[in-house]
Protein backbone atom coordinates (compact mmCIF):
# COMPACT_ATOMS: atom_id res chain seq x y z
CA UNK A 1 48.73 2.66 94.53
CA UNK A 2 49.59 -1.18 94.83
CA UNK A 3 49.18 -1.77 97.98
CA UNK A 4 47.33 -0.58 101.87
CA UNK A 5 49.41 -1.63 104.24
CA UNK A 6 52.45 0.24 105.39
CA UNK A 7 53.97 -2.85 106.51
CA UNK A 8 53.48 -6.80 106.78
CA UNK A 9 51.94 -6.98 103.48
CA UNK A 10 51.27 -10.43 102.50
CA UNK A 11 48.90 -12.09 99.99
CA UNK A 12 47.54 -14.69 101.47
CA UNK A 13 44.67 -16.96 99.85
CA UNK A 14 41.09 -17.53 100.74
CA UNK A 15 39.01 -20.38 100.03
CA UNK A 16 39.68 -22.20 96.67
CA UNK A 17 36.38 -20.69 95.02
CA UNK A 18 38.14 -16.64 95.89
CA UNK A 19 41.50 -17.69 94.90
CA UNK A 20 42.75 -16.20 91.74
CA UNK A 21 45.23 -14.05 89.91
CA UNK A 22 45.80 -10.79 92.03
CA UNK A 23 46.61 -7.08 90.01
CA UNK A 24 49.92 -5.67 89.73
CA UNK A 25 52.01 -4.64 92.28
CA UNK A 26 54.02 -2.45 90.20
CA UNK A 27 54.09 0.99 90.22
CA UNK A 28 52.16 3.17 88.12
CA UNK A 29 54.83 4.30 85.31
CA UNK A 30 52.29 7.39 84.59
CA UNK A 31 52.20 8.20 87.89
CA UNK A 32 56.19 7.88 88.43
CA UNK A 33 56.17 10.27 85.52
CA UNK A 34 54.00 12.74 86.90
CA UNK A 35 55.65 13.16 90.61
CA UNK A 36 59.37 13.04 88.84
CA UNK A 37 57.85 15.91 86.83
CA UNK A 38 57.62 18.16 89.25
CA UNK A 39 60.11 20.76 89.58
CA UNK A 40 61.70 22.48 92.71
CA UNK A 41 63.42 24.75 90.40
CA UNK A 42 58.89 26.02 89.75
CA UNK A 43 58.20 25.63 93.50
CA UNK A 44 60.93 28.39 94.26
CA UNK A 45 59.87 30.37 91.51
CA UNK A 46 56.28 30.44 92.55
CA UNK A 47 56.96 30.91 96.63
CA UNK A 48 58.91 34.01 95.74
CA UNK A 49 56.25 35.60 93.22
CA UNK A 50 53.88 35.36 96.00
CA UNK A 51 56.20 36.76 98.54
CA UNK A 52 57.11 39.69 96.45
CA UNK A 53 53.37 41.15 96.72
CA UNK A 54 54.43 42.34 100.05
CA UNK A 55 51.27 41.27 102.10
CA UNK A 56 48.54 38.78 101.31
CA UNK A 57 46.77 39.41 104.71
CA UNK A 58 43.09 39.07 103.81
CA UNK A 59 42.13 42.45 104.95
CA UNK A 60 44.89 43.68 102.78
CA UNK A 61 44.39 46.06 99.30
CA UNK A 62 42.75 44.21 96.71
CA UNK A 63 43.03 46.62 93.71
CA UNK A 64 46.53 47.50 94.06
CA UNK A 65 47.91 45.31 90.66
CA UNK A 66 51.46 44.60 92.88
CA UNK A 67 50.76 44.58 96.14
CA UNK A 68 48.12 43.00 98.51
CA UNK A 69 45.68 39.59 98.63
CA UNK A 70 44.01 41.07 95.74
CA UNK A 71 46.94 41.23 93.21
CA UNK A 72 47.97 37.79 94.57
CA UNK A 73 44.58 36.19 93.63
CA UNK A 74 44.79 37.79 90.35
CA UNK A 75 48.46 36.22 89.85
CA UNK A 76 47.22 32.58 90.68
CA UNK A 77 44.36 32.77 88.27
CA UNK A 78 46.91 33.68 85.96
CA UNK A 79 49.05 30.87 86.24
CA UNK A 80 45.77 28.24 86.18
CA UNK A 81 45.08 29.51 83.11
CA UNK A 82 48.19 29.13 81.55
CA UNK A 83 48.03 25.34 82.85
CA UNK A 84 44.75 25.25 81.52
CA UNK A 85 45.92 26.50 78.02
CA UNK A 86 48.56 23.55 78.26
CA UNK A 87 45.90 20.88 79.01
CA UNK A 88 43.77 22.09 75.91
CA UNK A 89 41.14 23.94 77.67
CA UNK A 90 40.42 21.10 79.80
CA UNK A 91 41.39 23.12 83.69
CA UNK A 92 38.30 24.97 84.51
CA UNK A 93 39.72 28.83 86.24
CA UNK A 94 37.84 31.24 88.57
CA UNK A 95 37.67 32.86 91.26
CA UNK A 96 35.25 32.27 93.81
CA UNK A 97 33.94 34.56 95.99
CA UNK A 98 32.28 35.51 99.17
CA UNK A 99 31.58 38.26 101.59
CA UNK A 100 32.17 37.82 105.29
CA UNK A 101 30.95 40.37 107.56
CA UNK A 102 32.50 41.50 110.82
CA UNK A 103 32.95 39.13 113.40
CA UNK A 104 34.10 40.66 116.40
CA UNK A 105 37.28 38.62 116.47
CA UNK A 106 39.55 38.98 113.50
CA UNK A 107 37.20 40.43 110.46
CA UNK A 108 36.49 43.96 111.16
CA UNK A 109 34.70 45.19 108.18
CA UNK A 110 32.82 43.76 105.11
CA UNK A 111 35.50 41.58 103.34
CA UNK A 112 35.13 40.25 99.87
CA UNK A 113 37.11 36.94 99.87
CA UNK A 114 38.30 34.56 97.21
CA UNK A 115 38.92 31.02 96.21
CA UNK A 116 40.97 30.93 93.39
CA UNK A 117 40.06 27.32 91.81
CA UNK A 118 41.11 25.21 89.02
CA UNK A 119 38.96 22.45 88.22
CA UNK A 120 40.15 19.42 86.54
CA UNK A 121 37.14 17.39 85.01
CA UNK A 122 36.90 13.39 85.14
CA UNK A 123 36.51 12.35 81.67
CA UNK A 124 34.22 9.51 83.29
CA UNK A 125 30.23 10.69 83.52
CA UNK A 126 28.82 8.16 85.46
CA UNK A 127 32.00 8.87 88.17
CA UNK A 128 30.99 11.29 90.47
CA UNK A 129 33.67 11.90 93.32
CA UNK A 130 35.54 14.80 93.66
CA UNK A 131 39.57 15.22 95.04
CA UNK A 132 40.22 18.17 96.55
CA UNK A 133 43.96 19.60 97.27
CA UNK A 134 44.91 23.31 99.21
CA UNK A 135 46.45 25.30 100.65
CA UNK A 136 45.97 28.84 101.92
CA UNK A 137 46.88 32.39 100.08
CA UNK A 138 47.07 34.56 103.05
CA UNK A 139 49.74 35.77 105.04
CA UNK A 140 50.31 37.45 108.41
CA UNK A 141 52.60 39.08 110.98
CA UNK A 142 52.82 38.90 114.93
CA UNK A 143 49.80 41.24 114.84
CA UNK A 144 46.84 38.76 112.94
CA UNK A 145 44.87 42.16 112.46
CA UNK A 146 48.10 44.19 111.07
CA UNK A 147 47.28 44.09 107.42
CA UNK A 148 49.85 46.54 106.09
CA UNK A 149 53.62 45.04 106.96
CA UNK A 150 55.27 42.94 104.54
CA UNK A 151 54.01 39.50 105.46
CA UNK A 152 55.88 37.32 103.65
CA UNK A 153 54.23 34.07 104.17
CA UNK A 154 57.14 32.21 102.41
CA UNK A 155 56.03 28.79 104.33
CA UNK A 156 52.99 29.98 105.29
CA UNK A 157 51.50 29.13 103.62
CA UNK A 158 53.34 30.10 100.21
CA UNK A 159 54.67 26.24 100.66
CA UNK A 160 51.07 25.03 100.27
CA UNK A 161 50.23 27.32 97.96
CA UNK A 162 53.35 27.08 95.70
CA UNK A 163 52.44 23.19 95.59
CA UNK A 164 48.88 23.17 94.45
CA UNK A 165 49.99 25.19 91.93
CA UNK A 166 52.95 23.00 90.88
CA UNK A 167 50.46 19.65 91.24
CA UNK A 168 47.88 21.92 88.58
CA UNK A 169 50.73 22.58 86.46
CA UNK A 170 51.48 18.58 85.95
CA UNK A 171 48.58 16.69 86.46
CA UNK A 172 46.17 19.01 84.07
CA UNK A 173 48.08 17.18 81.63
CA UNK A 174 46.70 13.57 81.72
CA UNK A 175 43.32 12.38 82.45
CA UNK A 176 41.67 11.06 85.23
CA UNK A 177 37.90 9.42 85.07
CA UNK A 178 36.96 11.61 88.90
CA UNK A 179 37.49 15.52 89.15
CA UNK A 180 40.09 17.23 91.01
CA UNK A 181 39.84 20.50 92.15
CA UNK A 182 43.26 22.90 93.11
CA UNK A 183 42.72 25.70 95.03
CA UNK A 184 44.38 27.96 96.71
CA UNK A 185 42.03 29.55 100.23
CA UNK A 186 41.92 33.18 101.73
CA UNK A 187 41.33 33.84 105.16
CA UNK A 188 42.74 31.15 106.64
CA UNK A 189 44.95 32.62 109.28
CA UNK A 190 41.66 34.93 110.10
CA UNK A 191 39.04 32.23 110.80
CA UNK A 192 39.44 29.52 108.49
CA UNK A 193 37.15 31.25 106.14
CA UNK A 194 37.42 30.33 102.72
CA UNK A 195 38.38 26.53 103.61
CA UNK A 196 34.39 26.79 105.53
CA UNK A 197 33.14 28.30 102.86
CA UNK A 198 34.08 25.90 100.64
CA UNK A 199 33.56 22.96 102.81
CA UNK A 200 29.85 23.81 103.33
CA UNK A 201 29.28 24.70 99.82
CA UNK A 202 30.61 21.18 98.78
CA UNK A 203 28.22 19.73 101.53
CA UNK A 204 24.83 21.85 100.20
CA UNK A 205 25.82 20.90 96.53
CA UNK A 206 26.07 17.52 97.80
CA UNK A 207 29.30 16.62 96.17
CA UNK A 208 30.71 13.08 96.17
CA UNK A 209 33.47 13.86 98.08
CA UNK A 210 35.92 11.42 98.57
CA UNK A 211 39.29 12.91 100.03
CA UNK A 212 40.42 16.40 100.67
CA UNK A 213 44.26 17.05 101.13
CA UNK A 214 45.45 20.28 102.71
CA UNK A 215 48.78 21.70 102.82
CA UNK A 216 50.03 24.01 105.12
CA UNK A 217 53.53 24.86 106.44
CA UNK A 218 55.35 21.59 104.19
CA UNK A 219 58.42 23.90 102.77
CA UNK A 220 60.93 23.97 105.78
CA UNK A 221 63.39 21.10 106.58
CA UNK A 222 64.97 22.54 109.55
CA UNK A 223 62.78 22.83 112.79
CA UNK A 224 64.00 25.17 116.10
CA UNK A 225 64.19 24.98 119.85
CA UNK A 226 65.63 22.06 119.50
CA UNK A 227 67.51 22.34 116.22
CA UNK A 228 66.74 19.41 113.99
CA UNK A 229 67.14 18.91 110.37
CA UNK A 230 65.19 16.42 108.72
CA UNK A 231 64.30 16.50 105.50
CA UNK A 232 62.90 12.78 105.37
CA UNK A 233 60.14 12.95 106.95
CA UNK A 234 56.39 14.72 106.65
CA UNK A 235 53.68 14.80 109.15
CA UNK A 236 50.20 13.90 108.10
CA UNK A 237 46.84 14.79 110.97
CA UNK A 238 44.46 12.94 110.67
CA UNK A 239 40.76 12.77 113.02
CA UNK A 240 39.91 9.67 114.92
CA UNK A 241 36.98 10.61 116.16
CA UNK A 242 35.07 12.26 113.03
CA UNK A 243 34.06 15.28 114.41
CA UNK A 244 30.35 15.13 112.85
CA UNK A 245 30.00 11.71 114.74
CA UNK A 246 26.35 10.90 115.80
CA UNK A 247 24.99 9.01 118.75
CA UNK A 248 24.63 5.60 116.42
CA UNK A 249 27.93 5.96 114.83
CA UNK A 250 29.48 6.31 118.23
CA UNK A 251 27.67 3.48 119.63
CA UNK A 252 29.05 1.79 116.48
CA UNK A 253 32.22 2.98 116.84
CA UNK A 254 32.89 1.62 120.48
CA UNK A 255 30.97 -1.91 119.32
CA UNK A 256 34.42 -1.71 116.77
CA UNK A 257 36.64 0.32 118.85
CA UNK A 258 37.47 1.63 115.75
CA UNK A 259 38.59 5.03 117.11
CA UNK A 260 41.79 4.42 114.93
CA UNK A 261 40.04 3.69 111.51
CA UNK A 262 38.27 7.16 110.63
CA UNK A 263 37.86 7.89 106.99
CA UNK A 264 39.95 10.53 107.17
CA UNK A 265 42.66 7.97 109.34
CA UNK A 266 42.09 5.99 106.29
CA UNK A 267 43.25 8.62 103.75
CA UNK A 268 46.26 9.04 105.81
CA UNK A 269 47.69 5.58 106.06
CA UNK A 270 46.86 5.28 102.27
CA UNK A 271 49.11 8.69 101.60
CA UNK A 272 51.77 6.82 103.84
CA UNK A 273 51.33 3.50 101.43
CA UNK A 274 51.76 6.24 98.34
CA UNK A 275 54.66 7.58 99.32
CA UNK A 276 56.70 4.81 99.50
CA UNK A 277 56.10 3.57 96.51
CA UNK A 278 56.42 6.94 94.53
CA UNK A 279 58.27 9.26 96.42
CA UNK A 280 62.36 8.16 97.45
CA UNK A 281 64.04 9.41 100.23
CA UNK A 282 60.58 10.94 102.22
CA UNK A 283 58.43 8.67 104.71
CA UNK A 284 55.28 10.12 105.74
CA UNK A 285 54.21 10.08 109.85
CA UNK A 286 50.99 9.01 110.66
CA UNK A 287 50.02 11.78 113.50
CA UNK A 288 46.89 10.23 115.13
CA UNK A 289 45.44 13.83 116.15
CA UNK A 290 43.61 15.97 114.29
CA UNK A 291 46.06 18.94 114.00
CA UNK A 292 49.15 20.41 116.15
CA UNK A 293 48.56 22.01 119.74
CA UNK A 294 47.26 25.36 119.69
CA UNK A 295 46.77 25.49 115.68
CA UNK A 296 44.79 25.04 112.88
CA UNK A 297 44.02 24.15 109.34
CA UNK A 298 41.59 24.08 106.09
CA UNK A 299 41.36 20.29 106.94
CA UNK A 300 39.20 21.39 109.77
CA UNK A 301 36.12 22.34 108.29
CA UNK A 302 35.62 19.76 105.80
CA UNK A 303 35.92 17.33 108.98
CA UNK A 304 33.30 19.23 110.56
CA UNK A 305 30.99 19.08 107.85
CA UNK A 306 31.58 15.22 107.55
CA UNK A 307 33.91 14.89 105.17
CA UNK A 308 37.66 12.95 104.62
CA UNK A 309 40.49 15.27 104.65
CA UNK A 310 43.88 15.95 106.15
CA UNK A 311 46.73 18.06 106.76
CA UNK A 312 50.44 17.70 105.30
CA UNK A 313 53.12 19.62 107.23
CA UNK A 314 56.51 19.44 107.17
CA UNK A 315 58.23 17.34 110.46
CA UNK A 316 59.90 20.03 112.17
CA UNK A 317 58.58 23.32 112.77
CA UNK A 318 60.51 26.46 112.97
CA UNK A 319 58.17 29.15 114.74
CA UNK A 320 60.57 32.03 114.69
CA UNK A 321 59.21 32.38 110.93
CA UNK A 322 55.80 32.09 111.14
CA UNK A 323 54.10 35.01 112.23
CA UNK A 324 56.46 37.28 113.28
CA UNK A 325 56.87 40.28 112.30
CA UNK A 326 60.19 41.18 109.55
CA UNK A 327 63.01 41.59 112.64
CA UNK A 328 66.66 40.46 113.96
CA UNK A 329 66.89 40.14 117.57
CA UNK A 330 70.05 38.68 119.52
CA UNK A 331 71.64 37.63 115.75
CA UNK A 332 67.82 35.43 114.71
CA UNK A 333 66.60 36.76 112.19
CA UNK A 334 62.91 36.48 112.41
CA UNK A 335 59.89 36.41 109.68
CA UNK A 336 58.88 33.68 107.04
CA UNK A 337 61.36 34.56 104.14
CA UNK A 338 62.52 32.14 101.23
CA UNK A 339 65.72 32.20 102.86
CA UNK A 340 64.25 29.60 105.76
CA UNK A 341 62.59 26.92 102.76
CA UNK A 342 64.02 24.20 101.77
CA UNK A 343 62.73 23.70 97.79
CA UNK A 344 63.86 19.85 97.65
CA UNK A 345 61.74 19.30 100.60
CA UNK A 346 59.26 20.81 98.74
CA UNK A 347 58.72 19.13 95.61
CA UNK A 348 59.17 15.90 97.82
CA UNK A 349 55.94 16.93 100.00
CA UNK A 350 54.62 18.06 96.43
CA UNK A 351 55.16 14.54 95.22
CA UNK A 352 53.55 12.64 98.37
CA UNK A 353 50.28 14.60 97.15
CA UNK A 354 50.78 13.85 93.84
CA UNK A 355 50.61 10.17 94.20
CA UNK A 356 47.96 10.25 96.30
CA UNK A 357 45.91 11.90 94.20
CA UNK A 358 46.35 10.47 91.63
CA UNK A 359 46.18 6.86 92.73
CA UNK A 360 42.80 7.40 94.14
CA UNK A 361 41.76 9.13 91.12
CA UNK A 362 42.53 6.01 88.86
CA UNK A 363 41.04 3.86 91.31
CA UNK A 364 37.84 2.53 90.98
CA UNK A 365 34.98 3.73 93.80
CA UNK A 366 35.07 1.84 97.02
CA UNK A 367 32.86 -0.31 97.65
CA UNK A 368 29.79 0.05 99.49
CA UNK A 369 27.19 -1.19 102.28
CA UNK A 370 30.43 -3.05 103.83
CA UNK A 371 29.19 -5.84 106.24
CA UNK A 372 30.37 -8.69 108.70
CA UNK A 373 28.12 -11.07 109.64
CA UNK A 374 27.68 -11.74 113.24
CA UNK A 375 24.46 -14.26 113.59
CA UNK A 376 26.81 -17.08 114.14
CA UNK A 377 29.03 -18.26 116.83
CA UNK A 378 32.26 -18.97 114.47
CA UNK A 379 36.15 -18.78 114.49
CA UNK A 380 35.88 -17.30 110.98
CA UNK A 381 34.80 -14.06 109.52
CA UNK A 382 31.88 -13.68 106.97
CA UNK A 383 32.00 -10.35 105.25
CA UNK A 384 29.69 -9.10 102.18
CA UNK A 385 29.53 -5.97 100.27
CA UNK A 386 27.88 -4.16 97.13
CA UNK A 387 30.16 -2.81 93.88
CA UNK A 388 30.27 0.94 93.59
CA UNK A 389 27.91 2.79 91.76
CA UNK A 390 28.92 4.20 89.06
CA UNK A 391 32.72 4.88 87.39
CA UNK A 392 35.11 1.74 86.37
CA UNK A 393 33.66 -1.26 87.45
CA UNK A 394 36.43 -3.13 89.86
CA UNK A 395 38.49 -6.04 88.52
CA UNK A 396 38.32 -7.73 92.35
CA UNK A 397 38.69 -6.23 96.04
CA UNK A 398 41.19 -6.35 98.47
CA UNK A 399 40.36 -8.06 102.15
CA UNK A 400 42.59 -5.94 104.33
CA UNK A 401 43.24 -7.27 108.28
CA UNK A 402 45.21 -6.26 110.74
CA UNK A 403 45.21 -7.08 114.69
CA UNK A 404 42.86 -5.20 117.00
CA UNK A 405 46.22 -3.64 118.84
CA UNK A 406 48.07 -3.10 115.27
CA UNK A 407 47.77 0.60 113.49
CA UNK A 408 48.59 -0.59 110.12
CA UNK A 409 47.34 -3.28 108.02
CA UNK A 410 49.05 -6.21 108.36
CA UNK A 411 47.42 -8.72 105.40
CA UNK A 412 45.89 -8.13 102.09
CA UNK A 413 43.36 -10.93 100.39
CA UNK A 414 42.13 -10.69 96.59
CA UNK A 415 38.90 -11.76 96.08
CA UNK A 416 36.78 -10.97 92.56
CA UNK A 417 33.02 -11.86 94.73
CA UNK A 418 31.35 -9.74 96.67
CA UNK A 419 31.64 -11.52 99.57
CA UNK A 420 34.39 -13.41 101.36
CA UNK A 421 34.69 -15.63 103.82
CA UNK A 422 38.21 -16.23 105.88
CA UNK A 423 39.61 -18.45 108.25
CA UNK A 424 40.04 -15.71 110.42
CA UNK A 425 38.39 -14.75 113.81
CA UNK A 426 36.18 -11.38 113.61
CA UNK A 427 36.76 -11.17 117.05
CA UNK A 428 40.42 -10.99 116.91
CA UNK A 429 41.01 -8.82 114.31
CA UNK A 430 40.18 -5.20 112.52
CA UNK A 431 38.70 -5.52 108.39
CA UNK A 432 38.57 -3.55 105.66
CA UNK A 433 37.25 -3.67 101.58
CA UNK A 434 39.10 -1.54 99.08
CA UNK A 435 38.09 -1.97 95.41
CA UNK A 436 41.07 -2.40 92.63
CA UNK A 437 41.78 -2.08 89.10
CA UNK A 438 43.40 -4.40 86.81
CA UNK A 439 46.63 -2.22 87.13
CA UNK A 440 46.37 -2.09 90.84
CA UNK A 441 44.82 1.23 92.07
CA UNK A 442 43.21 0.67 94.97
CA UNK A 443 39.77 2.62 96.60
CA UNK A 444 40.24 4.13 100.53
CA UNK A 445 39.28 0.79 102.60
CA UNK A 446 35.65 0.79 104.06
CA UNK A 447 35.39 -1.02 107.50
CA UNK A 448 32.63 -3.52 108.11
CA UNK A 449 29.16 -3.05 109.91
CA UNK A 450 28.37 -5.60 111.93
CA UNK A 451 24.95 -7.27 110.39
CA UNK A 452 22.88 -10.19 110.87
C-alpha cells in the first residue's frame, strides 16, 4: 500500500532533521498482477458447485457424498489441496472440527461442525502476524431449522466462500513474510458458531492476529426495494467503539474523542485506499457501524475477542434472494440462486480483499507504544514511538494527520526516526503513525496515547 488516506493526501516536510526521501508511491506490480489474475469464471464455477450440493444447512447430512454440508466441506478442502499442490506444498489444509451442543435456539442436536482452513505460513520466522479472510459455507431457507429443503446459498454466502477460495488459489503462489489463513466457516446462520470457535481459539492460543476480513453477501449488484443497480461500490462495516472496551480504554477514548478511530475502523479505511490503488471501477464505502440492522456476521466474534475485524457486503441487497424458500410469487422469483448474481462485480470485490491482505502482509508490523507528549503547553505536537518487534525493519514511518471533524486522514509526514515534532497543535488534530518499507507498503495506523 502506498497511501493511507482516502482523500487529500499530501506529503509534507517536517523539521530539517526529519526531512528525507519518502518511499515510492507507485502501486506494487506484484499485487496488481494478483488482482488481475482473479477470475470471474472461476468464481462462478465455484458458486455453482456449492449450489449443486442442494443444501449446506449446518444440520444437514454429513455422510452423503453429493448432498449436504459434509459433501460441501469435503469439496472445498479438496480444492484447497489442489491450490496447495500448485503452491509447492506450502499451503496447509485441514478441517478444524468442533462439537456444538443443543442451544435451545437453532441447534437441536449435538453437531460436529468444521471450519475448512487453508493456511499459508509466513516466510519470516520472526514475523508472527496472522491475517484471516473468511466466508461462511452454510446456507438456509425461510425456516432456519429446515435442514432438508434445497437452500442454494449462492450469494449468502457462496459468494464469500468462492472469494476465499479464489484468494487462496492466487495468493498461495506468492510468498509473504507473515501468515495468511483462508477459511470457510460453518454455522453462521445458526448463530456464528464457526467464527466464534475460531476467534476463541485465536485468543486462547495468543495469535498475533492483525486483521480479519469477513465476506458475506458480496456478489449481487442489483438491489431490490428500491431497485438499484450498482456494481461500482462495496460496503465495509466496522465497529467504532471496540466491543471489548475496558473502563480505562473508555476514559482514554473520551479524552481523545477517538470514536471513529478503532483498529477496525482503521482497517476499513485501509481497504478503501487499497481499492483505489488496485481495483478499477470500484469504490469502498465506509459504513460507520458494526453491521446492518437485524443482521450479524462472522467478524463480530472476532471484535468481541478484541481483534481487528471488518465485514464486506454488496452495496444494495436483494432480500428476496436471502433466507428464502425457492418459489415464484406474483411473477417474482424468490431464492438465493446464481442467476441473481453478478460475477464481474464479485471479482472486483474479491480484488479489494486481495489488495488489502497483500498490502498488509508485505508491510512491516505497526509501530509500538505510540505516544503524544502532553506535559508542555505548546502549539506544536511531539510524538514518539518504538519500532515494531519482529519481522522486517521499517524503512521509516508516516505520521498521519487530520482535523478532528474530518472522517479521513488528510496529510502524511515521512520520518525515519521514532519521534517527530510537528508545527501543528495536538489540540486541533488527530494523529496516527504507520510503519512503511522501502517499497511503500504500510502497516495499519496506531493512534498515540497521551504520555508525560
